[in-house]
């Protein structure tokens, strides 16, 4: 359970970092339209002496490039915000999954206490078995040591 709690804490820390990074990105990288580009004022045909067909001005190429750049920046910004939002949603789902996997969800306190007591009883039994096995191991080590000493003594004589 401690491992799950550690994972949960790490995920929560990551989620906070993602929120912070997203807010920072949105506030600092939001594309803002530049100063409006003034279109050149067309002189009236009567002042210039031109015909009305000649008075129509061609669009300024720099204005078109600026407009395209702004559109591209807005699209990139929107895509990045969508990606950051998706990351936050995925991290939230991961946190929910970890929370759902924690023991004790949907179990009454009495049931939890009963389970703790039964586990404590099992632990006591296993601990007694462990101590018994350690005693057996020590007895076998002593026996092996005696056998080795006897064999060594027989070889020396």
Foldseek 3Di string as FASTA:
>chain_A
DVVLVVVLVVLVVVLVVLVVVLVVCCVPQQDDQDDDDDDDDFDDCVVVVHDPVVSDDDDDVVVVVSVVVSVVSNVVSVVVSVVSVVVSVVSVVVSVVSVVPDPPVPHDPVVVVVVVVVVVVVVVVVVVVVVVVVVVVVVVVVVVVVVVVVVVVVVVD
